[in-house]
């Protein structure tokens, strides 16, 4: 199950994020989105959990949870829309 986690603090790192998710199950893949110019986190991430039940537990625990003075948003990631290339 793939999750979207938003409103993350800008000083978060992958270790902190993984620590929040591992109590709910195995993290298969994690993509903490970084700004291409500064290399700092943009405040959201996509995480793939090994199974659906772990993903559901993580969503219930993290959604609206306050972490470092920020209320997190956690829900199931929507499939990427196909876009036309630039002209």
PDB file of N, CA and C in Angstrom:
ATOM      1  N   UNK A   1       0.846  -1.175   0.000  1.00  0.00           N
ATOM      2  CA  UNK A   1       0.000   0.000   0.000  1.00  0.00           C
ATOM      3  C   UNK A   1       0.885   1.229   0.000  1.00  0.00           C
ATOM      4  N   UNK A   2       0.604   2.167  -0.878  1.00  0.00           N
ATOM      5  CA  UNK A   2       1.404   3.385  -0.986  1.00  0.00           C
ATOM      6  C   UNK A   2       0.693   4.536  -0.278  1.00  0.00           C
ATOM      7  N   UNK A   3       1.428   5.250   0.579  1.00  0.00           N
ATOM      8  CA  UNK A   3       0.879   6.343   1.365  1.00  0.00           C
ATOM      9  C   UNK A   3       1.478   7.680   0.958  1.00  0.00           C
ATOM     10  N   UNK A   4       0.670   8.714   1.080  1.00  0.00           N
ATOM     11  CA  UNK A   4       1.139  10.093   0.948  1.00  0.00           C
ATOM     12  C   UNK A   4       1.142  10.673   2.356  1.00  0.00           C
ATOM     13  N   UNK A   5       2.258  11.258   2.757  1.00  0.00           N
ATOM     14  CA  UNK A   5       2.354  11.907   4.062  1.00  0.00           C
ATOM     15  C   UNK A   5       2.745  13.357   3.809  1.00  0.00           C
ATOM     16  N   UNK A   6       1.885  14.267   4.209  1.00  0.00           N
ATOM     17  CA  UNK A   6       2.111  15.684   3.954  1.00  0.00           C
ATOM     18  C   UNK A   6       2.188  16.504   5.223  1.00  0.00           C
ATOM     19  N   UNK A   7       2.577  17.762   5.052  1.00  0.00           N
ATOM     20  CA  UNK A   7       2.765  18.737   6.122  1.00  0.00           C
ATOM     21  C   UNK A   7       3.854  18.302   7.096  1.00  0.00           C
ATOM     22  N   UNK A   8       4.861  17.631   6.559  1.00  0.00           N
ATOM     23  CA  UNK A   8       6.009  17.225   7.374  1.00  0.00           C
ATOM     24  C   UNK A   8       6.872  18.442   7.676  1.00  0.00           C
ATOM     25  N   UNK A   9       7.553  18.449   8.824  1.00  0.00           N
ATOM     26  CA  UNK A   9       8.469  19.558   9.098  1.00  0.00           C
ATOM     27  C   UNK A   9       9.624  19.530   8.092  1.00  0.00           C
ATOM     28  N   UNK A  10      10.149  20.697   7.782  1.00  0.00           N
ATOM     29  CA  UNK A  10      11.199  20.795   6.758  1.00  0.00           C
ATOM     30  C   UNK A  10      12.545  20.259   7.227  1.00  0.00           C
ATOM     31  N   UNK A  11      12.677  19.977   8.513  1.00  0.00           N
ATOM     32  CA  UNK A  11      13.941  19.445   9.012  1.00  0.00           C
ATOM     33  C   UNK A  11      13.897  17.925   9.221  1.00  0.00           C
ATOM     34  N   UNK A  12      12.848  17.267   8.736  1.00  0.00           N
ATOM     35  CA  UNK A  12      12.733  15.812   8.910  1.00  0.00           C
ATOM     36  C   UNK A  12      13.716  15.095   7.992  1.00  0.00           C
ATOM     37  N   UNK A  13      14.148  13.907   8.401  1.00  0.00           N
ATOM     38  CA  UNK A  13      15.012  13.090   7.550  1.00  0.00           C
ATOM     39  C   UNK A  13      14.385  11.697   7.425  1.00  0.00           C
ATOM     40  N   UNK A  14      14.958  10.869   6.567  1.00  0.00           N
ATOM     41  CA  UNK A  14      14.391   9.544   6.310  1.00  0.00           C
ATOM     42  C   UNK A  14      14.390   8.667   7.554  1.00  0.00           C
ATOM     43  N   UNK A  15      15.392   8.812   8.411  1.00  0.00           N
ATOM     44  CA  UNK A  15      15.471   8.016   9.636  1.00  0.00           C
ATOM     45  C   UNK A  15      14.289   8.334  10.554  1.00  0.00           C
ATOM     46  N   UNK A  16      13.980   9.619  10.724  1.00  0.00           N
ATOM     47  CA  UNK A  16      12.844  10.028  11.560  1.00  0.00           C
ATOM     48  C   UNK A  16      11.531   9.500  10.979  1.00  0.00           C
ATOM     49  N   UNK A  17      11.377   9.638   9.674  1.00  0.00           N
ATOM     50  CA  UNK A  17      10.156   9.199   9.008  1.00  0.00           C
ATOM     51  C   UNK A  17       9.991   7.681   9.122  1.00  0.00           C
ATOM     52  N   UNK A  18      11.060   6.962   8.894  1.00  0.00           N
ATOM     53  CA  UNK A  18      11.025   5.494   9.007  1.00  0.00           C
ATOM     54  C   UNK A  18      10.669   5.086  10.439  1.00  0.00           C
ATOM     55  N   UNK A  19      11.187   5.818  11.417  1.00  0.00           N
ATOM     56  CA  UNK A  19      10.890   5.536  12.818  1.00  0.00           C
ATOM     57  C   UNK A  19       9.413   5.688  13.149  1.00  0.00           C
ATOM     58  N   UNK A  20       8.735   6.614  12.492  1.00  0.00           N
ATOM     59  CA  UNK A  20       7.298   6.795  12.719  1.00  0.00           C
ATOM     60  C   UNK A  20       6.483   5.666  12.091  1.00  0.00           C
ATOM     61  N   UNK A  21       7.016   5.047  11.031  1.00  0.00           N
ATOM     62  CA  UNK A  21       6.251   4.065  10.268  1.00  0.00           C
ATOM     63  C   UNK A  21       6.525   2.608  10.634  1.00  0.00           C
ATOM     64  N   UNK A  22       7.722   2.274  11.075  1.00  0.00           N
ATOM     65  CA  UNK A  22       8.061   0.874  11.328  1.00  0.00           C
ATOM     66  C   UNK A  22       7.219   0.194  12.398  1.00  0.00           C
ATOM     67  N   UNK A  23       6.664   0.903  13.395  1.00  0.00           N
ATOM     68  CA  UNK A  23       5.791   0.189  14.338  1.00  0.00           C
ATOM     69  C   UNK A  23       4.534  -0.399  13.677  1.00  0.00           C
ATOM     70  N   UNK A  24       4.203   0.063  12.487  1.00  0.00           N
ATOM     71  CA  UNK A  24       2.986  -0.380  11.801  1.00  0.00           C
ATOM     72  C   UNK A  24       3.251  -1.460  10.765  1.00  0.00           C
ATOM     73  N   UNK A  25       4.503  -1.745  10.486  1.00  0.00           N
ATOM     74  CA  UNK A  25       4.829  -2.778   9.506  1.00  0.00           C
ATOM     75  C   UNK A  25       6.082  -2.426   8.733  1.00  0.00           C
ATOM     76  N   UNK A  26       6.412  -3.295   7.795  1.00  0.00           N
ATOM     77  CA  UNK A  26       7.632  -3.130   7.002  1.00  0.00           C
ATOM     78  C   UNK A  26       7.476  -2.022   5.958  1.00  0.00           C
ATOM     79  N   UNK A  27       8.473  -1.149   5.906  1.00  0.00           N
ATOM     80  CA  UNK A  27       8.519  -0.093   4.894  1.00  0.00           C
ATOM     81  C   UNK A  27       9.307  -0.645   3.713  1.00  0.00           C
ATOM     82  N   UNK A  28       8.643  -0.750   2.562  1.00  0.00           N
ATOM     83  CA  UNK A  28       9.276  -1.312   1.367  1.00  0.00           C
ATOM     84  C   UNK A  28      10.092  -0.245   0.645  1.00  0.00           C
ATOM     85  N   UNK A  29       9.494   0.925   0.483  1.00  0.00           N
ATOM     86  CA  UNK A  29      10.160   2.010  -0.255  1.00  0.00           C
ATOM     87  C   UNK A  29       9.730   3.339   0.350  1.00  0.00           C
ATOM     88  N   UNK A  30      10.666   4.296   0.355  1.00  0.00           N
ATOM     89  CA  UNK A  30      10.376   5.613   0.889  1.00  0.00           C
ATOM     90  C   UNK A  30      10.960   6.667  -0.032  1.00  0.00           C
ATOM     91  N   UNK A  31      10.147   7.682  -0.327  1.00  0.00           N
ATOM     92  CA  UNK A  31      10.609   8.780  -1.162  1.00  0.00           C
ATOM     93  C   UNK A  31      10.279  10.090  -0.459  1.00  0.00           C
ATOM     94  N   UNK A  32      11.248  10.625   0.272  1.00  0.00           N
ATOM     95  CA  UNK A  32      11.111  11.929   0.914  1.00  0.00           C
ATOM     96  C   UNK A  32      11.470  12.953  -0.154  1.00  0.00           C
ATOM     97  N   UNK A  33      10.491  13.719  -0.591  1.00  0.00           N
ATOM     98  CA  UNK A  33      10.685  14.628  -1.723  1.00  0.00           C
ATOM     99  C   UNK A  33      11.538  15.816  -1.295  1.00  0.00           C
ATOM    100  N   UNK A  34      12.623  16.043  -2.064  1.00  0.00           N
ATOM    101  CA  UNK A  34      13.579  17.105  -1.765  1.00  0.00           C
ATOM    102  C   UNK A  34      13.515  18.208  -2.807  1.00  0.00           C
ATOM    103  N   UNK A  35      13.813  19.422  -2.386  1.00  0.00           N
ATOM    104  CA  UNK A  35      13.925  20.547  -3.306  1.00  0.00           C
ATOM    105  C   UNK A  35      15.187  20.351  -4.135  1.00  0.00           C
ATOM    106  N   UNK A  36      15.082  20.494  -5.440  1.00  0.00           N
ATOM    107  CA  UNK A  36      16.232  20.215  -6.311  1.00  0.00           C
ATOM    108  C   UNK A  36      17.355  21.233  -6.171  1.00  0.00           C
ATOM    109  N   UNK A  37      17.052  22.429  -5.685  1.00  0.00           N
ATOM    110  CA  UNK A  37      18.081  23.457  -5.575  1.00  0.00           C
ATOM    111  C   UNK A  37      18.750  23.472  -4.208  1.00  0.00           C
ATOM    112  N   UNK A  38      17.958  23.307  -3.157  1.00  0.00           N
ATOM    113  CA  UNK A  38      18.522  23.378  -1.807  1.00  0.00           C
ATOM    114  C   UNK A  38      18.839  22.015  -1.218  1.00  0.00           C
ATOM    115  N   UNK A  39      18.192  20.954  -1.726  1.00  0.00           N
ATOM    116  CA  UNK A  39      18.400  19.616  -1.184  1.00  0.00           C
ATOM    117  C   UNK A  39      17.654  19.379   0.116  1.00  0.00           C
ATOM    118  N   UNK A  40      16.818  20.327   0.518  1.00  0.00           N
ATOM    119  CA  UNK A  40      16.058  20.205   1.757  1.00  0.00           C
ATOM    120  C   UNK A  40      14.688  19.596   1.458  1.00  0.00           C
ATOM    121  N   UNK A  41      14.110  18.885   2.440  1.00  0.00           N
ATOM    122  CA  UNK A  41      12.781  18.305   2.232  1.00  0.00           C
ATOM    123  C   UNK A  41      11.726  19.365   1.920  1.00  0.00           C
ATOM    124  N   UNK A  42      10.783  18.997   1.047  1.00  0.00           N
ATOM    125  CA  UNK A  42       9.708  19.911   0.654  1.00  0.00           C
ATOM    126  C   UNK A  42       8.504  19.827   1.591  1.00  0.00           C
ATOM    127  N   UNK A  43       8.491  18.853   2.489  1.00  0.00           N
ATOM    128  CA  UNK A  43       7.399  18.749   3.448  1.00  0.00           C
ATOM    129  C   UNK A  43       6.411  17.634   3.145  1.00  0.00           C
ATOM    130  N   UNK A  44       6.754  16.752   2.194  1.00  0.00           N
ATOM    131  CA  UNK A  44       5.881  15.603   1.950  1.00  0.00           C
ATOM    132  C   UNK A  44       6.701  14.421   1.468  1.00  0.00           C
ATOM    133  N   UNK A  45       6.091  13.240   1.589  1.00  0.00           N
ATOM    134  CA  UNK A  45       6.784  12.007   1.225  1.00  0.00           C
ATOM    135  C   UNK A  45       5.779  10.975   0.731  1.00  0.00           C
ATOM    136  N   UNK A  46       6.299  10.007  -0.018  1.00  0.00           N
ATOM    137  CA  UNK A  46       5.518   8.856  -0.446  1.00  0.00           C
ATOM    138  C   UNK A  46       6.193   7.631   0.143  1.00  0.00           C
ATOM    139  N   UNK A  47       5.395   6.780   0.767  1.00  0.00           N
ATOM    140  CA  UNK A  47       5.933   5.599   1.443  1.00  0.00           C
ATOM    141  C   UNK A  47       5.122   4.387   1.030  1.00  0.00           C
ATOM    142  N   UNK A  48       5.823   3.310   0.679  1.00  0.00           N
ATOM    143  CA  UNK A  48       5.135   2.069   0.344  1.00  0.00           C
ATOM    144  C   UNK A  48       5.317   1.087   1.491  1.00  0.00           C
ATOM    145  N   UNK A  49       4.185   0.641   2.026  1.00  0.00           N
ATOM    146  CA  UNK A  49       4.193  -0.338   3.108  1.00  0.00           C
ATOM    147  C   UNK A  49       4.048  -1.736   2.506  1.00  0.00           C
ATOM    148  N   UNK A  50       4.573  -2.746   3.205  1.00  0.00           N
ATOM    149  CA  UNK A  50       4.574  -4.112   2.687  1.00  0.00           C
ATOM    150  C   UNK A  50       3.168  -4.688   2.540  1.00  0.00           C
ATOM    151  N   UNK A  51       2.278  -4.348   3.464  1.00  0.00           N
ATOM    152  CA  UNK A  51       0.922  -4.882   3.347  1.00  0.00           C
ATOM    153  C   UNK A  51      -0.121  -3.820   3.660  1.00  0.00           C
ATOM    154  N   UNK A  52      -1.324  -4.103   3.243  1.00  0.00           N
ATOM    155  CA  UNK A  52      -2.417  -3.140   3.374  1.00  0.00           C
ATOM    156  C   UNK A  52      -2.783  -2.873   4.833  1.00  0.00           C
ATOM    157  N   UNK A  53      -2.758  -3.893   5.679  1.00  0.00           N
ATOM    158  CA  UNK A  53      -3.144  -3.686   7.078  1.00  0.00           C
ATOM    159  C   UNK A  53      -2.164  -2.753   7.786  1.00  0.00           C
ATOM    160  N   UNK A  54      -0.882  -2.884   7.498  1.00  0.00           N
ATOM    161  CA  UNK A  54       0.118  -1.978   8.066  1.00  0.00           C
ATOM    162  C   UNK A  54      -0.069  -0.558   7.572  1.00  0.00           C
ATOM    163  N   UNK A  55      -0.418  -0.426   6.301  1.00  0.00           N
ATOM    164  CA  UNK A  55      -0.670   0.897   5.729  1.00  0.00           C
ATOM    165  C   UNK A  55      -1.882   1.553   6.357  1.00  0.00           C
ATOM    166  N   UNK A  56      -2.941   0.759   6.583  1.00  0.00           N
ATOM    167  CA  UNK A  56      -4.156   1.283   7.215  1.00  0.00           C
ATOM    168  C   UNK A  56      -3.847   1.759   8.635  1.00  0.00           C
ATOM    169  N   UNK A  57      -3.084   0.969   9.378  1.00  0.00           N
ATOM    170  CA  UNK A  57      -2.709   1.345  10.748  1.00  0.00           C
ATOM    171  C   UNK A  57      -1.894   2.626  10.744  1.00  0.00           C
ATOM    172  N   UNK A  58      -0.944   2.732   9.824  1.00  0.00           N
ATOM    173  CA  UNK A  58      -0.114   3.933   9.734  1.00  0.00           C
ATOM    174  C   UNK A  58      -0.966   5.156   9.410  1.00  0.00           C
ATOM    175  N   UNK A  59      -1.926   5.004   8.484  1.00  0.00           N
ATOM    176  CA  UNK A  59      -2.807   6.126   8.142  1.00  0.00           C
ATOM    177  C   UNK A  59      -3.608   6.580   9.352  1.00  0.00           C
ATOM    178  N   UNK A  60      -4.179   5.630  10.085  1.00  0.00           N
ATOM    179  CA  UNK A  60      -4.988   5.976  11.253  1.00  0.00           C
ATOM    180  C   UNK A  60      -4.148   6.665  12.325  1.00  0.00           C
ATOM    181  N   UNK A  61      -2.910   6.210  12.506  1.00  0.00           N
ATOM    182  CA  UNK A  61      -2.042   6.779  13.537  1.00  0.00           C
ATOM    183  C   UNK A  61      -1.491   8.150  13.148  1.00  0.00           C
ATOM    184  N   UNK A  62      -1.083   8.294  11.894  1.00  0.00           N
ATOM    185  CA  UNK A  62      -0.394   9.519  11.491  1.00  0.00           C
ATOM    186  C   UNK A  62      -1.313  10.649  11.036  1.00  0.00           C
ATOM    187  N   UNK A  63      -2.476  10.339  10.481  1.00  0.00           N
ATOM    188  CA  UNK A  63      -3.348  11.394   9.984  1.00  0.00           C
ATOM    189  C   UNK A  63      -3.833  12.268  11.141  1.00  0.00           C
ATOM    190  N   UNK A  64      -3.620  13.555  11.014  1.00  0.00           N
ATOM    191  CA  UNK A  64      -3.974  14.579  12.006  1.00  0.00           C
ATOM    192  C   UNK A  64      -3.130  14.508  13.282  1.00  0.00           C
ATOM    193  N   UNK A  65      -2.076  13.706  13.276  1.00  0.00           N
ATOM    194  CA  UNK A  65      -1.159  13.647  14.416  1.00  0.00           C
ATOM    195  C   UNK A  65      -0.261  14.882  14.388  1.00  0.00           C
ATOM    196  N   UNK A  66       0.001  15.465  15.539  1.00  0.00           N
ATOM    197  CA  UNK A  66       0.885  16.627  15.607  1.00  0.00           C
ATOM    198  C   UNK A  66       2.311  16.128  15.822  1.00  0.00           C
ATOM    199  N   UNK A  67       3.197  16.547  14.928  1.00  0.00           N
ATOM    200  CA  UNK A  67       4.613  16.169  14.992  1.00  0.00           C
ATOM    201  C   UNK A  67       5.437  17.426  14.785  1.00  0.00           C
ATOM    202  N   UNK A  68       6.220  17.786  15.769  1.00  0.00           N
ATOM    203  CA  UNK A  68       7.041  19.002  15.731  1.00  0.00           C
ATOM    204  C   UNK A  68       6.200  20.217  15.346  1.00  0.00           C
ATOM    205  N   UNK A  69       5.098  20.406  16.046  1.00  0.00           N
ATOM    206  CA  UNK A  69       4.182  21.550  15.883  1.00  0.00           C
ATOM    207  C   UNK A  69       3.463  21.583  14.534  1.00  0.00           C
ATOM    208  N   UNK A  70       3.445  20.479  13.797  1.00  0.00           N
ATOM    209  CA  UNK A  70       2.746  20.441  12.507  1.00  0.00           C
ATOM    210  C   UNK A  70       1.761  19.282  12.502  1.00  0.00           C
ATOM    211  N   UNK A  71       0.554  19.543  12.037  1.00  0.00           N
ATOM    212  CA  UNK A  71      -0.460  18.494  11.959  1.00  0.00           C
ATOM    213  C   UNK A  71      -0.287  17.747  10.644  1.00  0.00           C
ATOM    214  N   UNK A  72       0.095  16.480  10.747  1.00  0.00           N
ATOM    215  CA  UNK A  72       0.375  15.674   9.561  1.00  0.00           C
ATOM    216  C   UNK A  72      -0.899  15.299   8.815  1.00  0.00           C
ATOM    217  N   UNK A  73      -0.724  15.056   7.530  1.00  0.00           N
ATOM    218  CA  UNK A  73      -1.781  14.545   6.667  1.00  0.00           C
ATOM    219  C   UNK A  73      -1.266  13.216   6.123  1.00  0.00           C
ATOM    220  N   UNK A  74      -2.049  12.171   6.298  1.00  0.00           N
ATOM    221  CA  UNK A  74      -1.624  10.862   5.797  1.00  0.00           C
ATOM    222  C   UNK A  74      -2.823  10.164   5.179  1.00  0.00           C
ATOM    223  N   UNK A  75      -2.699   9.826   3.903  1.00  0.00           N
ATOM    224  CA  UNK A  75      -3.757   9.086   3.230  1.00  0.00           C
ATOM    225  C   UNK A  75      -3.151   8.225   2.127  1.00  0.00           C
ATOM    226  N   UNK A  76      -3.998   7.425   1.507  1.00  0.00           N
ATOM    227  CA  UNK A  76      -3.511   6.551   0.446  1.00  0.00           C
ATOM    228  C   UNK A  76      -3.132   7.392  -0.762  1.00  0.00           C
ATOM    229  N   UNK A  77      -1.964   7.121  -1.307  1.00  0.00           N
ATOM    230  CA  UNK A  77      -1.483   7.879  -2.468  1.00  0.00           C
ATOM    231  C   UNK A  77      -2.330   7.543  -3.687  1.00  0.00           C
ATOM    232  N   UNK A  78      -2.624   8.562  -4.457  1.00  0.00           N
ATOM    233  CA  UNK A  78      -3.385   8.374  -5.688  1.00  0.00           C
ATOM    234  C   UNK A  78      -2.418   8.038  -6.810  1.00  0.00           C
ATOM    235  N   UNK A  79      -2.855   7.231  -7.775  1.00  0.00           N
ATOM    236  CA  UNK A  79      -1.970   6.907  -8.893  1.00  0.00           C
ATOM    237  C   UNK A  79      -1.555   8.164  -9.653  1.00  0.00           C
ATOM    238  N   UNK A  80      -0.357   8.131 -10.164  1.00  0.00           N
ATOM    239  CA  UNK A  80       0.174   9.263 -10.923  1.00  0.00           C
ATOM    240  C   UNK A  80      -0.626   9.434 -12.205  1.00  0.00           C
ATOM    241  N   UNK A  81      -1.024  10.669 -12.487  1.00  0.00           N
ATOM    242  CA  UNK A  81      -1.758  10.943 -13.722  1.00  0.00           C
ATOM    243  C   UNK A  81      -0.777  10.982 -14.886  1.00  0.00           C
ATOM    244  N   UNK A  82      -1.220  10.441 -16.002  1.00  0.00           N
ATOM    245  CA  UNK A  82      -0.392  10.509 -17.200  1.00  0.00           C
ATOM    246  C   UNK A  82      -0.505  11.913 -17.765  1.00  0.00           C
ATOM    247  N   UNK A  83       0.642  12.526 -17.989  1.00  0.00           N
ATOM    248  CA  UNK A  83       0.649  13.869 -18.546  1.00  0.00           C
ATOM    249  C   UNK A  83       1.339  13.870 -19.898  1.00  0.00           C
ATOM    250  N   UNK A  84       0.974  14.833 -20.689  1.00  0.00           N
ATOM    251  CA  UNK A  84       1.643  14.983 -21.969  1.00  0.00           C
ATOM    252  C   UNK A  84       2.971  15.675 -21.733  1.00  0.00           C
ATOM    253  N   UNK A  85       3.956  15.301 -22.503  1.00  0.00           N
ATOM    254  CA  UNK A  85       5.280  15.908 -22.372  1.00  0.00           C
ATOM    255  C   UNK A  85       5.296  17.364 -22.779  1.00  0.00           C
ATOM    256  N   UNK A  86       6.334  18.049 -22.420  1.00  0.00           N
ATOM    257  CA  UNK A  86       6.476  19.458 -22.800  1.00  0.00           C
ATOM    258  C   UNK A  86       6.664  19.575 -24.294  1.00  0.00           C
ATOM    259  N   UNK A  87       6.279  20.712 -24.793  1.00  0.00           N
ATOM    260  CA  UNK A  87       6.464  20.956 -26.224  1.00  0.00           C
ATOM    261  C   UNK A  87       7.610  21.865 -26.461  1.00  0.00           C
TER     262      UNK A  87
END
